[in-house]
């Protein structure tokens, strides 16, 4: 469309009039003459926006939220399952530990009883051997004592005969000396 000089001057005049406050101009969105078209385009825009959101964006967001919810639910169920497994493992460990502790106590008690019995048997054996050796030693001591006492009698007889001979200057018979020594020993 070619611009005619008359059309260009009208535009300039309109701009000048608007710049100088001439003429009645209202901000276009507030101009009531255009309300019908603005409301129509507003309804079309919101309808199109609603359609796009309901068919494209909201299903995607809903899918993401549902996936997230499912993932969280799965994670929680997996955590619960793992917690149950760990609780079961702890219970099994504690049961095995208690069983091992009981077994160790049983083994310790059996070992203690066995060693006590062995020590008692060994002590009885040693005490028996010592009693036998003590009896043999007492017999040897009694034998040695009786032998020494018999020799003491002979020595006492000889010594008494020598003392009497030197002191009295007379010889005494061996029967008299033996009787006197026996009488002295029996006191």
C-alpha atoms as a PDB file:
ATOM      1  CA  UNK A   1       0.000   0.000   0.000  1.00  0.00           C
ATOM      2  CA  UNK A   2       1.517   3.252  -1.041  1.00  0.00           C
ATOM      3  CA  UNK A   3       1.522   6.011   1.435  1.00  0.00           C
ATOM      4  CA  UNK A   4      -0.160   9.097   0.268  1.00  0.00           C
ATOM      5  CA  UNK A   5       0.944  12.464   1.524  1.00  0.00           C
ATOM      6  CA  UNK A   6      -2.453  13.017   3.027  1.00  0.00           C
ATOM      7  CA  UNK A   7      -2.361   9.798   4.999  1.00  0.00           C
ATOM      8  CA  UNK A   8       1.137  10.561   6.386  1.00  0.00           C
ATOM      9  CA  UNK A   9       0.085  14.003   7.578  1.00  0.00           C
ATOM     10  CA  UNK A  10      -2.909  12.576   9.423  1.00  0.00           C
ATOM     11  CA  UNK A  11      -0.633  10.275  11.297  1.00  0.00           C
ATOM     12  CA  UNK A  12       1.734  13.030  12.245  1.00  0.00           C
ATOM     13  CA  UNK A  13      -1.152  15.179  13.400  1.00  0.00           C
ATOM     14  CA  UNK A  14      -2.543  12.355  15.481  1.00  0.00           C
ATOM     15  CA  UNK A  15       0.839  11.752  17.111  1.00  0.00           C
ATOM     16  CA  UNK A  16       1.293  15.414  17.854  1.00  0.00           C
ATOM     17  CA  UNK A  17      -2.181  15.674  19.301  1.00  0.00           C
ATOM     18  CA  UNK A  18      -1.492  12.679  21.531  1.00  0.00           C
ATOM     19  CA  UNK A  19       1.848  14.092  22.667  1.00  0.00           C
ATOM     20  CA  UNK A  20       0.371  17.440  23.592  1.00  0.00           C
ATOM     21  CA  UNK A  21      -2.564  16.023  25.485  1.00  0.00           C
ATOM     22  CA  UNK A  22      -4.986  16.770  22.757  1.00  0.00           C
ATOM     23  CA  UNK A  23      -7.708  14.224  22.058  1.00  0.00           C
ATOM     24  CA  UNK A  24      -9.153  11.630  24.361  1.00  0.00           C
ATOM     25  CA  UNK A  25      -6.966   8.486  24.375  1.00  0.00           C
ATOM     26  CA  UNK A  26      -7.394   5.608  26.851  1.00  0.00           C
ATOM     27  CA  UNK A  27      -4.929   2.813  27.628  1.00  0.00           C
ATOM     28  CA  UNK A  28      -5.970   0.073  25.134  1.00  0.00           C
ATOM     29  CA  UNK A  29      -6.631  -2.718  27.659  1.00  0.00           C
ATOM     30  CA  UNK A  30      -8.953  -0.369  29.517  1.00  0.00           C
ATOM     31  CA  UNK A  31     -10.734   0.792  26.383  1.00  0.00           C
ATOM     32  CA  UNK A  32     -14.277  -0.592  26.689  1.00  0.00           C
ATOM     33  CA  UNK A  33     -14.763  -0.733  22.966  1.00  0.00           C
ATOM     34  CA  UNK A  34     -12.292  -3.614  22.761  1.00  0.00           C
ATOM     35  CA  UNK A  35     -13.544  -5.655  25.764  1.00  0.00           C
ATOM     36  CA  UNK A  36     -15.479  -8.202  23.746  1.00  0.00           C
ATOM     37  CA  UNK A  37     -12.521  -9.186  21.600  1.00  0.00           C
ATOM     38  CA  UNK A  38     -10.190  -9.196  24.632  1.00  0.00           C
ATOM     39  CA  UNK A  39     -12.523 -11.485  26.586  1.00  0.00           C
ATOM     40  CA  UNK A  40     -12.821 -13.780  23.566  1.00  0.00           C
ATOM     41  CA  UNK A  41      -9.048 -14.030  23.156  1.00  0.00           C
ATOM     42  CA  UNK A  42      -8.639 -14.450  26.912  1.00  0.00           C
ATOM     43  CA  UNK A  43     -11.078 -17.388  26.878  1.00  0.00           C
ATOM     44  CA  UNK A  44      -9.361 -18.908  23.832  1.00  0.00           C
ATOM     45  CA  UNK A  45      -5.902 -18.473  25.437  1.00  0.00           C
ATOM     46  CA  UNK A  46      -6.965 -19.977  28.749  1.00  0.00           C
ATOM     47  CA  UNK A  47      -8.826 -22.795  27.005  1.00  0.00           C
ATOM     48  CA  UNK A  48      -5.762 -23.581  24.884  1.00  0.00           C
ATOM     49  CA  UNK A  49      -3.492 -23.320  27.948  1.00  0.00           C
ATOM     50  CA  UNK A  50      -5.843 -25.584  29.932  1.00  0.00           C
ATOM     51  CA  UNK A  51      -5.962 -28.107  27.085  1.00  0.00           C
ATOM     52  CA  UNK A  52      -2.140 -28.136  26.740  1.00  0.00           C
ATOM     53  CA  UNK A  53      -1.634 -28.436  30.486  1.00  0.00           C
ATOM     54  CA  UNK A  54      -4.240 -31.189  30.890  1.00  0.00           C
ATOM     55  CA  UNK A  55      -3.066 -33.208  27.892  1.00  0.00           C
ATOM     56  CA  UNK A  56       0.705 -32.640  27.954  1.00  0.00           C
ATOM     57  CA  UNK A  57       2.209 -31.066  31.059  1.00  0.00           C
ATOM     58  CA  UNK A  58      -0.015 -32.379  33.851  1.00  0.00           C
ATOM     59  CA  UNK A  59       0.136 -36.040  32.726  1.00  0.00           C
ATOM     60  CA  UNK A  60       3.920 -35.778  32.617  1.00  0.00           C
ATOM     61  CA  UNK A  61       4.018 -34.188  36.058  1.00  0.00           C
ATOM     62  CA  UNK A  62       1.490 -36.761  37.309  1.00  0.00           C
ATOM     63  CA  UNK A  63       3.613 -39.566  35.856  1.00  0.00           C
ATOM     64  CA  UNK A  64       6.721 -38.149  37.487  1.00  0.00           C
ATOM     65  CA  UNK A  65       4.916 -37.825  40.828  1.00  0.00           C
ATOM     66  CA  UNK A  66       3.502 -41.343  40.527  1.00  0.00           C
ATOM     67  CA  UNK A  67       6.931 -42.746  39.615  1.00  0.00           C
ATOM     68  CA  UNK A  68       8.420 -40.872  42.535  1.00  0.00           C
ATOM     69  CA  UNK A  69       5.705 -42.161  44.867  1.00  0.00           C
ATOM     70  CA  UNK A  70       6.207 -45.722  43.596  1.00  0.00           C
ATOM     71  CA  UNK A  71       9.980 -45.384  43.976  1.00  0.00           C
ATOM     72  CA  UNK A  72       9.622 -44.081  47.533  1.00  0.00           C
ATOM     73  CA  UNK A  73       7.160 -46.868  48.381  1.00  0.00           C
ATOM     74  CA  UNK A  74       9.526 -49.461  46.872  1.00  0.00           C
ATOM     75  CA  UNK A  75      12.493 -47.951  48.743  1.00  0.00           C
ATOM     76  CA  UNK A  76      10.514 -48.041  51.992  1.00  0.00           C
ATOM     77  CA  UNK A  77       9.440 -51.641  51.443  1.00  0.00           C
ATOM     78  CA  UNK A  78      13.021 -52.592  50.515  1.00  0.00           C
ATOM     79  CA  UNK A  79      14.307 -50.806  53.624  1.00  0.00           C
ATOM     80  CA  UNK A  80      11.731 -52.649  55.743  1.00  0.00           C
ATOM     81  CA  UNK A  81      12.726 -55.967  54.148  1.00  0.00           C
ATOM     82  CA  UNK A  82      16.422 -55.271  54.740  1.00  0.00           C
ATOM     83  CA  UNK A  83      15.682 -54.200  58.313  1.00  0.00           C
ATOM     84  CA  UNK A  84      13.779 -57.448  58.859  1.00  0.00           C
ATOM     85  CA  UNK A  85      16.679 -59.416  57.366  1.00  0.00           C
ATOM     86  CA  UNK A  86      19.157 -57.607  59.596  1.00  0.00           C
ATOM     87  CA  UNK A  87      16.934 -58.198  62.643  1.00  0.00           C
ATOM     88  CA  UNK A  88      16.730 -61.883  61.716  1.00  0.00           C
ATOM     89  CA  UNK A  89      20.508 -62.003  61.236  1.00  0.00           C
ATOM     90  CA  UNK A  90      21.064 -60.325  64.611  1.00  0.00           C
ATOM     91  CA  UNK A  91      18.661 -62.778  66.270  1.00  0.00           C
ATOM     92  CA  UNK A  92      20.419 -65.723  64.595  1.00  0.00           C
ATOM     93  CA  UNK A  93      23.807 -64.316  65.616  1.00  0.00           C
ATOM     94  CA  UNK A  94      22.678 -63.866  69.209  1.00  0.00           C
ATOM     95  CA  UNK A  95      21.215 -67.384  69.256  1.00  0.00           C
ATOM     96  CA  UNK A  96      24.450 -68.822  67.837  1.00  0.00           C
ATOM     97  CA  UNK A  97      26.448 -66.779  70.337  1.00  0.00           C
ATOM     98  CA  UNK A  98      24.303 -68.020  73.239  1.00  0.00           C
ATOM     99  CA  UNK A  99      24.628 -71.593  71.978  1.00  0.00           C
ATOM    100  CA  UNK A 100      28.403 -71.211  71.641  1.00  0.00           C
ATOM    101  CA  UNK A 101      28.576 -69.684  75.132  1.00  0.00           C
ATOM    102  CA  UNK A 102      26.562 -72.593  76.572  1.00  0.00           C
ATOM    103  CA  UNK A 103      28.741 -75.067  74.698  1.00  0.00           C
ATOM    104  CA  UNK A 104      31.886 -73.359  76.002  1.00  0.00           C
ATOM    105  CA  UNK A 105      30.523 -73.478  79.559  1.00  0.00           C
ATOM    106  CA  UNK A 106      29.672 -77.162  79.113  1.00  0.00           C
ATOM    107  CA  UNK A 107      33.144 -77.923  77.748  1.00  0.00           C
ATOM    108  CA  UNK A 108      34.762 -75.930  80.564  1.00  0.00           C
ATOM    109  CA  UNK A 109      32.647 -77.732  83.169  1.00  0.00           C
ATOM    110  CA  UNK A 110      33.410 -81.150  81.624  1.00  0.00           C
ATOM    111  CA  UNK A 111      37.111 -80.314  81.422  1.00  0.00           C
ATOM    112  CA  UNK A 112      37.092 -79.087  85.021  1.00  0.00           C
ATOM    113  CA  UNK A 113      35.303 -82.225  86.204  1.00  0.00           C
ATOM    114  CA  UNK A 114      37.626 -84.455  84.166  1.00  0.00           C
ATOM    115  CA  UNK A 115      40.742 -82.695  85.449  1.00  0.00           C
ATOM    116  CA  UNK A 116      39.399 -82.772  89.012  1.00  0.00           C
ATOM    117  CA  UNK A 117      38.761 -86.515  88.712  1.00  0.00           C
ATOM    118  CA  UNK A 118      42.216 -87.072  87.200  1.00  0.00           C
ATOM    119  CA  UNK A 119      43.822 -84.983  89.944  1.00  0.00           C
ATOM    120  CA  UNK A 120      41.864 -86.840  92.642  1.00  0.00           C
ATOM    121  CA  UNK A 121      42.914 -90.192  91.152  1.00  0.00           C
ATOM    122  CA  UNK A 122      46.505 -89.028  90.828  1.00  0.00           C
ATOM    123  CA  UNK A 123      46.458 -87.652  94.384  1.00  0.00           C
ATOM    124  CA  UNK A 124      45.016 -90.930  95.687  1.00  0.00           C
ATOM    125  CA  UNK A 125      47.686 -92.838  93.765  1.00  0.00           C
ATOM    126  CA  UNK A 126      50.458 -90.597  95.094  1.00  0.00           C
ATOM    127  CA  UNK A 127      49.030 -90.769  98.617  1.00  0.00           C
ATOM    128  CA  UNK A 128      48.902 -94.572  98.299  1.00  0.00           C
ATOM    129  CA  UNK A 129      52.513 -94.665  97.102  1.00  0.00           C
ATOM    130  CA  UNK A 130      53.541 -92.309  99.907  1.00  0.00           C
ATOM    131  CA  UNK A 131      51.676 -94.409 102.479  1.00  0.00           C
ATOM    132  CA  UNK A 132      53.423 -97.538 101.160  1.00  0.00           C
ATOM    133  CA  UNK A 133      56.813 -95.820 101.229  1.00  0.00           C
ATOM    134  CA  UNK A 134      56.070 -94.403 104.689  1.00  0.00           C
ATOM    135  CA  UNK A 135      55.157 -97.878 105.954  1.00  0.00           C
ATOM    136  CA  UNK A 136      58.356 -99.297 104.442  1.00  0.00           C
ATOM    137  CA  UNK A 137      60.366 -96.445 105.957  1.00  0.00           C
ATOM    138  CA  UNK A 138      58.777 -97.005 109.375  1.00  0.00           C
ATOM    139  CA  UNK A 139      59.614-100.718 109.114  1.00  0.00           C
ATOM    140  CA  UNK A 140      63.225 -99.891 108.187  1.00  0.00           C
ATOM    141  CA  UNK A 141      63.432 -97.369 111.016  1.00  0.00           C
ATOM    142  CA  UNK A 142      62.020 -99.928 113.465  1.00  0.00           C
ATOM    143  CA  UNK A 143      64.463-102.535 112.144  1.00  0.00           C
ATOM    144  CA  UNK A 144      67.379-100.122 112.376  1.00  0.00           C
ATOM    145  CA  UNK A 145      66.218 -99.029 115.830  1.00  0.00           C
ATOM    146  CA  UNK A 146      65.919-102.595 117.087  1.00  0.00           C
ATOM    147  CA  UNK A 147      69.298-103.452 115.569  1.00  0.00           C
ATOM    148  CA  UNK A 148      70.789-100.324 117.127  1.00  0.00           C
ATOM    149  CA  UNK A 149      69.175-101.127 120.439  1.00  0.00           C
ATOM    150  CA  UNK A 150      70.528-104.645 120.330  1.00  0.00           C
ATOM    151  CA  UNK A 151      73.955-103.277 119.580  1.00  0.00           C
ATOM    152  CA  UNK A 152      73.488-100.668 122.299  1.00  0.00           C
ATOM    153  CA  UNK A 153      72.876-103.503 124.718  1.00  0.00           C
ATOM    154  CA  UNK A 154      76.151-105.168 123.739  1.00  0.00           C
ATOM    155  CA  UNK A 155      77.982-101.858 123.877  1.00  0.00           C
ATOM    156  CA  UNK A 156      76.338-101.067 127.222  1.00  0.00           C
ATOM    157  CA  UNK A 157      77.376-104.495 128.530  1.00  0.00           C
ATOM    158  CA  UNK A 158      80.989-103.958 127.476  1.00  0.00           C
ATOM    159  CA  UNK A 159      81.025-100.393 128.801  1.00  0.00           C
ATOM    160  CA  UNK A 160      79.460-101.405 132.115  1.00  0.00           C
ATOM    161  CA  UNK A 161      81.980-104.270 132.497  1.00  0.00           C
ATOM    162  CA  UNK A 162      84.855-101.893 131.829  1.00  0.00           C
ATOM    163  CA  UNK A 163      83.526 -99.282 134.275  1.00  0.00           C
ATOM    164  CA  UNK A 164      82.946-101.847 137.034  1.00  0.00           C
ATOM    165  CA  UNK A 165      86.390-103.346 136.463  1.00  0.00           C
ATOM    166  CA  UNK A 166      88.089-100.003 136.683  1.00  0.00           C
ATOM    167  CA  UNK A 167      86.075 -98.662 139.563  1.00  0.00           C
ATOM    168  CA  UNK A 168      85.723-101.748 141.685  1.00  0.00           C
ATOM    169  CA  UNK A 169      88.763-103.458 140.395  1.00  0.00           C
ATOM    170  CA  UNK A 170      86.921-106.783 140.193  1.00  0.00           C
ATOM    171  CA  UNK A 171      85.547-108.712 137.278  1.00  0.00           C
ATOM    172  CA  UNK A 172      81.808-109.185 137.140  1.00  0.00           C
ATOM    173  CA  UNK A 173      80.198-111.988 135.136  1.00  0.00           C
ATOM    174  CA  UNK A 174      78.605-111.104 131.832  1.00  0.00           C
ATOM    175  CA  UNK A 175      75.222-112.465 133.002  1.00  0.00           C
ATOM    176  CA  UNK A 176      75.176-110.075 135.937  1.00  0.00           C
ATOM    177  CA  UNK A 177      76.121-107.136 133.730  1.00  0.00           C
ATOM    178  CA  UNK A 178      73.467-108.096 131.100  1.00  0.00           C
ATOM    179  CA  UNK A 179      70.800-108.300 133.815  1.00  0.00           C
ATOM    180  CA  UNK A 180      71.774-104.913 135.238  1.00  0.00           C
ATOM    181  CA  UNK A 181      71.831-103.276 131.754  1.00  0.00           C
ATOM    182  CA  UNK A 182      68.444-104.841 130.861  1.00  0.00           C
ATOM    183  CA  UNK A 183      66.974-103.576 134.133  1.00  0.00           C
ATOM    184  CA  UNK A 184      68.342-100.088 133.428  1.00  0.00           C
ATOM    185  CA  UNK A 185      66.981-100.095 129.843  1.00  0.00           C
ATOM    186  CA  UNK A 186      63.517-101.168 130.904  1.00  0.00           C
ATOM    187  CA  UNK A 187      63.141 -98.206 133.277  1.00  0.00           C
END
